[in-house]
């Protein structure tokens, strides 16, 4: 089955950067609109935060063959993720809006679509690890209403997947070494003011109470980024893979945050901090 998949990441310059993929080959990016309002409302309700502050990656693909695109949203960040991974939500068009079909609790990137279908819907392939569960890829089968909520529990609708013919719809976040060009583009956009400034998250660090640690999370860049200001110092970090919580890195600087606890490593010195 040949189909064009639209991959939309929450990123740059007031919009999302859309990467068009045919099969698994990514082509040139172009700008696209943000998530539909109904989907943003679901995200805001589920994770208790304004939609604009929720970090995610998303893709649009026809899963049920009706010619209309479902939307797959992989939510990232401490408000949603745990040791087992992050949630992936599947939305389907309904009238002029969308409804939530499935919430898959613990997943890791990449998110793929398998050639096989069950009950008229393409099978999804997700990765899971952490939380004491052996890492692996599994194929999730639709039951007529939804996909399985927990990919770590093997059963009739959750089966190990080892094939290589699944179509990548949300790719893994690149490593820092692969994102030097993105780093320069993101830094330019943030420092020039072309990106809308998000609300700051503030922290107090042990033995450095007189120096404010302020972090601005830019969810609309790919990969997600954070501007970290600690006293007179300031830098911009890019999101990196992490077992739990949110982690951002740039050379010898690293910021990690999980449920209000934060750790900043700057040129070999570690600071342990708490949200205000």
Foldseek 3Di string as FASTA:
>chain_A
DWDKKWWWAQADQQFTWIWIDTFADTDDIDTDHDDDPVVQVVVCVVLVHRSQPWFWTKIWDDFQPPPGTKMKIWTDFQSAADLWAGKIWIWDDDDPRIDTQAIARGFADFKWWDPDAALRGTWIKTWTDGPPAHTAIWTWYDPNGHTDRYLRDDDPRIGGDDDDRTGGGHGHQDDPVVCPVLQVVVVVCVVVVSAPWADWWWKAWPPPNVWIWIKTWRSNHRVTKIWIDTHPDIDIWGWDDDSHGTWTDDVQWIWGDHPQWIWIGDPRDIITIGTD
